[in-house]
C-alpha atoms as a PDB file:
ATOM      1  CA  MET A   1      -0.277   0.368  -0.031  1.00  0.00           C
ATOM      2  CA  LEU A   2       3.109   2.564   0.036  1.00  0.00           C
ATOM      3  CA  PRO A   3       2.687   3.638  -3.521  1.00  0.00           C
ATOM      4  CA  PHE A   4      -0.732   4.644  -2.656  1.00  0.00           C
ATOM      5  CA  VAL A   5       0.188   6.888   0.079  1.00  0.00           C
ATOM      6  CA  PRO A   6       1.257  10.357  -1.403  1.00  0.00           C
ATOM      7  CA  GLU A   7       5.100  11.620  -0.680  1.00  0.00           C
ATOM      8  CA  SER A   8       3.501  15.189   0.569  1.00  0.00           C
ATOM      9  CA  ALA A   9       1.641  13.593   3.219  1.00  0.00           C
ATOM     10  CA  HIS A  10       3.949  14.425   5.843  1.00  0.00           C
ATOM     11  CA  THR A  11       1.586  13.447   8.856  1.00  0.00           C
ATOM     12  CA  VAL A  12      -0.399  10.255   8.884  1.00  0.00           C
ATOM     13  CA  LEU A  13      -2.955   8.606  11.090  1.00  0.00           C
ATOM     14  CA  GLU A  14      -2.964   4.563  10.624  1.00  0.00           C
ATOM     15  CA  VAL A  15      -6.337   3.391  12.084  1.00  0.00           C
ATOM     16  CA  GLY A  16      -6.124  -0.103  13.236  1.00  0.00           C
ATOM     17  CA  CYS A  17      -1.909   0.238  12.823  1.00  0.00           C
ATOM     18  CA  SER A  18      -1.053  -3.279  14.681  1.00  0.00           C
ATOM     19  CA  VAL A  19       2.269  -3.609  15.686  1.00  0.00           C
ATOM     20  CA  GLY A  20       3.682  -0.310  13.593  1.00  0.00           C
ATOM     21  CA  ASN A  21       4.912  -2.049  10.620  1.00  0.00           C
ATOM     22  CA  PHE A  22       3.287  -0.148   7.705  1.00  0.00           C
ATOM     23  CA  GLY A  23       3.676   2.943   9.828  1.00  0.00           C
ATOM     24  CA  SER A  24       6.983   2.231  10.777  1.00  0.00           C
ATOM     25  CA  LEU A  25       7.632   1.811   6.872  1.00  0.00           C
ATOM     26  CA  LEU A  26       6.511   4.648   6.248  1.00  0.00           C
ATOM     27  CA  LYS A  27       8.516   6.998   8.927  1.00  0.00           C
ATOM     28  CA  SER A  28      11.884   5.295   7.337  1.00  0.00           C
ATOM     29  CA  GLU A  29      10.466   5.322   3.189  1.00  0.00           C
ATOM     30  CA  ARG A  30       9.084   9.013   3.469  1.00  0.00           C
ATOM     31  CA  SER A  31      10.138  10.370   6.688  1.00  0.00           C
ATOM     32  CA  ALA A  32       6.595  11.031   7.944  1.00  0.00           C
ATOM     33  CA  ARG A  33       5.114  11.617  11.331  1.00  0.00           C
ATOM     34  CA  VAL A  34       2.757   8.883  12.533  1.00  0.00           C
ATOM     35  CA  TRP A  35       0.080   8.453  14.467  1.00  0.00           C
ATOM     36  CA  GLY A  36      -1.800   5.471  15.464  1.00  0.00           C
ATOM     37  CA  VAL A  37      -5.034   3.592  16.501  1.00  0.00           C
ATOM     38  CA  GLU A  38      -5.146   0.490  17.732  1.00  0.00           C
ATOM     39  CA  ILE A  39      -7.800  -1.364  19.652  1.00  0.00           C
ATOM     40  CA  ASP A  40      -4.861  -3.951  21.249  1.00  0.00           C
ATOM     41  CA  PRO A  41      -3.233  -2.737  24.353  1.00  0.00           C
ATOM     42  CA  GLU A  42      -0.489  -5.502  23.665  1.00  0.00           C
ATOM     43  CA  ALA A  43      -0.386  -4.496  19.639  1.00  0.00           C
ATOM     44  CA  ALA A  44      -0.223  -1.196  20.651  1.00  0.00           C
ATOM     45  CA  ALA A  45       2.430  -1.298  23.512  1.00  0.00           C
ATOM     46  CA  ILE A  46       4.454  -3.040  20.665  1.00  0.00           C
ATOM     47  CA  ALA A  47       3.459   0.056  18.174  1.00  0.00           C
ATOM     48  CA  SER A  48       4.037   2.537  20.399  1.00  0.00           C
ATOM     49  CA  ARG A  49       7.911   2.211  20.495  1.00  0.00           C
ATOM     50  CA  ARG A  50       8.112   2.651  16.990  1.00  0.00           C
ATOM     51  CA  LEU A  51       5.484   4.708  15.873  1.00  0.00           C
ATOM     52  CA  ASP A  52       5.004   8.799  16.834  1.00  0.00           C
ATOM     53  CA  LYS A  53       1.929   8.177  18.901  1.00  0.00           C
ATOM     54  CA  VAL A  54      -0.287   5.221  19.725  1.00  0.00           C
ATOM     55  CA  ILE A  55      -3.687   5.564  20.953  1.00  0.00           C
ATOM     56  CA  VAL A  56      -5.936   2.541  22.573  1.00  0.00           C
ATOM     57  CA  GLY A  57      -9.210   2.215  21.976  1.00  0.00           C
ATOM     58  CA  PRO A  58     -11.518   2.113  18.861  1.00  0.00           C
ATOM     59  CA  PHE A  59     -11.503   4.769  16.133  1.00  0.00           C
ATOM     60  CA  ASP A  60     -14.419   6.927  17.219  1.00  0.00           C
ATOM     61  CA  ARG A  61     -15.086  10.373  18.420  1.00  0.00           C
ATOM     62  CA  ASN A  62     -13.877   9.695  22.044  1.00  0.00           C
ATOM     63  CA  LEU A  63     -10.638   9.929  20.786  1.00  0.00           C
ATOM     64  CA  ASN A  64     -10.470  13.479  20.359  1.00  0.00           C
ATOM     65  CA  LEU A  65      -8.244  13.404  17.873  1.00  0.00           C
ATOM     66  CA  PRO A  66      -7.268  16.942  16.400  1.00  0.00           C
ATOM     67  CA  GLU A  67      -9.673  17.845  13.490  1.00  0.00           C
ATOM     68  CA  GLY A  68      -7.819  19.506  10.592  1.00  0.00           C
ATOM     69  CA  GLU A  69      -4.409  17.731  11.152  1.00  0.00           C
ATOM     70  CA  PHE A  70      -3.544  14.928   9.351  1.00  0.00           C
ATOM     71  CA  ASP A  71      -2.127  14.467   5.492  1.00  0.00           C
ATOM     72  CA  CYS A  72      -3.489  11.030   5.535  1.00  0.00           C
ATOM     73  CA  VAL A  73      -5.947   8.505   7.256  1.00  0.00           C
ATOM     74  CA  LEU A  74      -5.177   4.892   6.949  1.00  0.00           C
ATOM     75  CA  PHE A  75      -7.192   1.806   6.858  1.00  0.00           C
ATOM     76  CA  ASN A  76      -5.260  -0.660   5.835  1.00  0.00           C
ATOM     77  CA  ASP A  77      -8.054  -3.930   5.679  1.00  0.00           C
ATOM     78  CA  VAL A  78      -9.754  -2.648   8.280  1.00  0.00           C
ATOM     79  CA  LEU A  79     -13.236  -1.181   7.586  1.00  0.00           C
ATOM     80  CA  GLU A  80     -14.742  -4.538   6.799  1.00  0.00           C
ATOM     81  CA  HIS A  81     -13.727  -5.467  10.453  1.00  0.00           C
ATOM     82  CA  MET A  82     -16.107  -2.806  11.875  1.00  0.00           C
ATOM     83  CA  ILE A  83     -19.695  -2.806  12.739  1.00  0.00           C
ATOM     84  CA  ASP A  84     -19.622   1.228  11.447  1.00  0.00           C
ATOM     85  CA  PRO A  85     -17.164   1.480   8.898  1.00  0.00           C
ATOM     86  CA  TYR A  86     -19.212   4.350   7.462  1.00  0.00           C
ATOM     87  CA  SER A  87     -18.934   6.129  10.634  1.00  0.00           C
ATOM     88  CA  ALA A  88     -15.392   5.798  11.130  1.00  0.00           C
ATOM     89  CA  LEU A  89     -14.831   7.139   7.296  1.00  0.00           C
ATOM     90  CA  GLU A  90     -17.257  10.283   8.315  1.00  0.00           C
ATOM     91  CA  TYR A  91     -15.012  10.634  11.462  1.00  0.00           C
ATOM     92  CA  ALA A  92     -11.601  10.233   9.021  1.00  0.00           C
ATOM     93  CA  LYS A  93     -12.843  13.713   7.165  1.00  0.00           C
ATOM     94  CA  GLU A  94     -12.874  15.547   9.735  1.00  0.00           C
ATOM     95  CA  LEU A  95      -9.369  15.030  10.570  1.00  0.00           C
ATOM     96  CA  LEU A  96      -8.064  15.403   7.318  1.00  0.00           C
ATOM     97  CA  ALA A  97      -5.799  18.771   6.226  1.00  0.00           C
ATOM     98  CA  LYS A  98      -7.533  20.671   3.954  1.00  0.00           C
ATOM     99  CA  ASP A  99      -6.294  18.448   0.301  1.00  0.00           C
ATOM    100  CA  GLY A 100      -5.464  15.754   3.059  1.00  0.00           C
ATOM    101  CA  CYS A 101      -6.892  11.617   1.844  1.00  0.00           C
ATOM    102  CA  VAL A 102      -8.307   8.662   2.831  1.00  0.00           C
ATOM    103  CA  VAL A 103      -6.246   5.532   1.653  1.00  0.00           C
ATOM    104  CA  ALA A 104      -7.776   2.131   2.015  1.00  0.00           C
ATOM    105  CA  SER A 105      -7.219  -1.303   0.770  1.00  0.00           C
ATOM    106  CA  ILE A 106     -10.265  -3.620   1.475  1.00  0.00           C
ATOM    107  CA  PRO A 107     -10.607  -6.950   1.066  1.00  0.00           C
ATOM    108  CA  ASN A 108     -12.845  -8.225  -2.063  1.00  0.00           C
ATOM    109  CA  VAL A 109     -16.125 -10.183  -1.424  1.00  0.00           C
ATOM    110  CA  ARG A 110     -16.371 -11.130  -5.385  1.00  0.00           C
ATOM    111  CA  TYR A 111     -12.755 -12.697  -5.466  1.00  0.00           C
ATOM    112  CA  PHE A 112     -13.360 -15.128  -7.743  1.00  0.00           C
ATOM    113  CA  GLY A 113     -11.892 -17.891  -5.630  1.00  0.00           C
ATOM    114  CA  ASN A 114     -14.355 -16.803  -3.025  1.00  0.00           C
ATOM    115  CA  VAL A 115     -17.060 -17.038  -5.763  1.00  0.00           C
ATOM    116  CA  TRP A 116     -16.379 -20.225  -7.191  1.00  0.00           C
ATOM    117  CA  ARG A 117     -16.195 -21.980  -3.963  1.00  0.00           C
ATOM    118  CA  PHE A 118     -19.562 -20.613  -2.488  1.00  0.00           C
ATOM    119  CA  LEU A 119     -21.137 -21.617  -6.265  1.00  0.00           C
ATOM    120  CA  ILE A 120     -19.461 -24.491  -7.423  1.00  0.00           C
ATOM    121  CA  ASP A 121     -18.765 -25.769  -4.020  1.00  0.00           C
ATOM    122  CA  GLY A 122     -21.555 -24.864  -2.139  1.00  0.00           C
ATOM    123  CA  THR A 123     -19.324 -23.929   0.740  1.00  0.00           C
ATOM    124  CA  TRP A 124     -18.830 -20.115   2.242  1.00  0.00           C
ATOM    125  CA  GLU A 125     -16.830 -21.230   5.822  1.00  0.00           C
ATOM    126  CA  TYR A 126     -14.680 -18.409   8.128  1.00  0.00           C
ATOM    127  CA  VAL A 127     -11.097 -19.013   8.151  1.00  0.00           C
ATOM    128  CA  ASP A 128      -8.506 -17.143  10.168  1.00  0.00           C
ATOM    129  CA  GLU A 129      -7.756 -14.447   7.096  1.00  0.00           C
ATOM    130  CA  GLY A 130      -8.705 -13.909   3.928  1.00  0.00           C
ATOM    131  CA  ILE A 131     -11.803 -12.776   2.478  1.00  0.00           C
ATOM    132  CA  LEU A 132     -13.490 -14.436   4.706  1.00  0.00           C
ATOM    133  CA  ASP A 133     -12.129 -14.256   7.819  1.00  0.00           C
ATOM    134  CA  ARG A 134     -14.314 -14.884  11.086  1.00  0.00           C
ATOM    135  CA  THR A 135     -13.740 -11.082  12.287  1.00  0.00           C
ATOM    136  CA  HIS A 136     -15.162  -9.757   9.096  1.00  0.00           C
ATOM    137  CA  LEU A 137     -17.907  -7.775   9.698  1.00  0.00           C
ATOM    138  CA  ARG A 138     -18.442  -6.474   7.013  1.00  0.00           C
ATOM    139  CA  PHE A 139     -18.455  -7.486   3.015  1.00  0.00           C
ATOM    140  CA  PHE A 140     -17.857  -5.317  -0.235  1.00  0.00           C
ATOM    141  CA  THR A 141     -17.258  -5.232  -4.040  1.00  0.00           C
ATOM    142  CA  ARG A 142     -15.969  -2.517  -5.625  1.00  0.00           C
ATOM    143  CA  LYS A 143     -19.421  -1.416  -7.001  1.00  0.00           C
ATOM    144  CA  SER A 144     -20.218  -0.556  -3.101  1.00  0.00           C
ATOM    145  CA  ILE A 145     -17.155   0.500  -2.363  1.00  0.00           C
ATOM    146  CA  GLU A 146     -17.788   3.572  -5.504  1.00  0.00           C
ATOM    147  CA  SER A 147     -20.920   4.076  -3.983  1.00  0.00           C
ATOM    148  CA  MET A 148     -19.884   4.337  -0.710  1.00  0.00           C
ATOM    149  CA  PHE A 149     -17.223   7.127  -0.176  1.00  0.00           C
ATOM    150  CA  PRO A 150     -19.042   9.244  -2.279  1.00  0.00           C
ATOM    151  CA  LYS A 151     -22.187   8.959  -0.207  1.00  0.00           C
ATOM    152  CA  LEU A 152     -20.048   9.352   2.867  1.00  0.00           C
ATOM    153  CA  GLY A 153     -18.600  12.829   1.252  1.00  0.00           C
ATOM    154  CA  PHE A 154     -15.079  12.097  -0.684  1.00  0.00           C
ATOM    155  CA  GLU A 155     -14.565  12.202  -4.764  1.00  0.00           C
ATOM    156  CA  ILE A 156     -12.160   8.405  -4.973  1.00  0.00           C
ATOM    157  CA  ARG A 157      -9.162   9.957  -6.996  1.00  0.00           C
ATOM    158  CA  GLU A 158      -7.847   6.521  -7.097  1.00  0.00           C
ATOM    159  CA  ILE A 159      -9.097   3.269  -7.402  1.00  0.00           C
ATOM    160  CA  LYS A 160      -7.377   0.094  -8.131  1.00  0.00           C
ATOM    161  CA  GLY A 161      -7.241  -3.733  -7.594  1.00  0.00           C
ATOM    162  CA  ILE A 162      -4.340  -5.568  -5.542  1.00  0.00           C
ATOM    163  CA  ASN A 163      -3.713  -9.155  -5.100  1.00  0.00           C
ATOM    164  CA  PRO A 164      -4.017 -10.548  -8.137  1.00  0.00           C
ATOM    165  CA  VAL A 165      -6.092 -14.150  -8.415  1.00  0.00           C
ATOM    166  CA  ASP A 166      -2.845 -14.483 -10.966  1.00  0.00           C
ATOM    167  CA  SER A 167      -0.340 -14.898  -8.344  1.00  0.00           C
ATOM    168  CA  TRP A 168      -2.549 -17.360  -5.846  1.00  0.00           C
ATOM    169  CA  ASP A 169      -3.962 -20.198  -8.006  1.00  0.00           C
ATOM    170  CA  PRO A 170      -2.481 -21.490 -11.113  1.00  0.00           C
ATOM    171  CA  PRO A 171      -5.598 -24.162 -11.992  1.00  0.00           C
ATOM    172  CA  LEU A 172      -8.119 -21.112 -10.527  1.00  0.00           C
ATOM    173  CA  ARG A 173      -6.193 -19.105 -12.957  1.00  0.00           C
ATOM    174  CA  GLN A 174      -7.122 -20.746 -15.623  1.00  0.00           C
ATOM    175  CA  LYS A 175     -10.963 -20.672 -14.587  1.00  0.00           C
ATOM    176  CA  PHE A 176     -10.582 -17.189 -14.047  1.00  0.00           C
ATOM    177  CA  ARG A 177      -9.652 -16.548 -17.692  1.00  0.00           C
ATOM    178  CA  TYR A 178     -11.968 -18.493 -19.963  1.00  0.00           C
ATOM    179  CA  LEU A 179     -14.533 -17.462 -17.342  1.00  0.00           C
ATOM    180  CA  ASN A 180     -14.485 -13.948 -18.100  1.00  0.00           C
ATOM    181  CA  PHE A 181     -13.397 -14.325 -22.180  1.00  0.00           C
ATOM    182  CA  LEU A 182     -16.857 -15.542 -22.007  1.00  0.00           C
ATOM    183  CA  LEU A 183     -18.408 -13.153 -20.795  1.00  0.00           C
ATOM    184  CA  MET A 184     -16.638 -10.771 -22.355  1.00  0.00           C
ATOM    185  CA  LYS A 185     -15.213  -9.870 -19.500  1.00  0.00           C
ATOM    186  CA  LYS A 186     -17.781  -8.817 -17.238  1.00  0.00           C
ATOM    187  CA  ILE A 187     -16.591 -10.553 -13.950  1.00  0.00           C
ATOM    188  CA  ALA A 188     -13.257  -8.694 -14.350  1.00  0.00           C
ATOM    189  CA  ASP A 189     -13.329  -7.095 -10.651  1.00  0.00           C
ATOM    190  CA  MET A 190     -13.168 -10.901 -10.229  1.00  0.00           C
ATOM    191  CA  ARG A 191      -9.498 -11.089 -10.541  1.00  0.00           C
ATOM    192  CA  TRP A 192      -8.278  -8.877  -7.434  1.00  0.00           C
ATOM    193  CA  LEU A 193      -8.295 -10.063  -3.834  1.00  0.00           C
ATOM    194  CA  GLN A 194      -8.353  -6.826  -2.518  1.00  0.00           C
ATOM    195  CA  PHE A 195      -8.947  -2.156  -3.379  1.00  0.00           C
ATOM    196  CA  ALA A 196      -7.291   0.324  -3.426  1.00  0.00           C
ATOM    197  CA  VAL A 197      -8.977   3.139  -3.102  1.00  0.00           C
ATOM    198  CA  VAL A 198      -7.311   6.926  -2.676  1.00  0.00           C
ATOM    199  CA  ALA A 199     -10.532   9.093  -1.132  1.00  0.00           C
ATOM    200  CA  THR A 200     -10.207  13.152  -0.769  1.00  0.00           C
ATOM    201  CA  ARG A 201     -12.774  15.379   0.658  1.00  0.00           C
ATOM    202  CA  ASN A 202     -15.365  16.162  -1.637  1.00  0.00           C
ATOM    203  CA  SER A 203     -15.187  20.201  -1.857  1.00  0.00           C
ATOM    204  CA  GLN A 204     -19.092  20.451  -3.261  1.00  0.00           C
ATOM    205  CA  ARG A 205     -20.232  18.511   0.380  1.00  0.00           C
ATOM    206  CA  GLY A 206     -17.405  19.541   2.609  1.00  0.00           C
END
């Protein structure tokens, strides 16, 4: 996700920073000042040794974070774990500096491997990681992502698929390519395990 964070982002807030791996990468690669929010106290304790400031707790207005402070608010595989990701994004918008942006990686529930198992094998089993991580509370597709951000007062500047089916399972890749060809590329979005999104505040909505 590093290429999606603007090089001009000098002050960054990472929501769900875990032990601070990505934030520490930002600090070393971009010389950014990085704050983190993490709900797990043990992970937050580790992150606090790597980042400039770490706050323990759920991401909501009770944190009293400084408004208009951050050039970038990051949600790396976090929104799907939230009961109310919509309120989280609206709060993030208040924290953004004038030209700031939200950067998010969001799992794609229409990922071909997931849909194939559901349609052909009839399985929908929650596991420890991946699309059907048992801690996921919300599910997204490219279209729902493209709909969600504008409704919340954002303008999507970039949306790009990451982690393609091609890199995971060669037999699955062949099935995908064949069906995508037969369906005239109408399932092209199913190639991607996740979507990376860069969004700014919609100036017309404030």
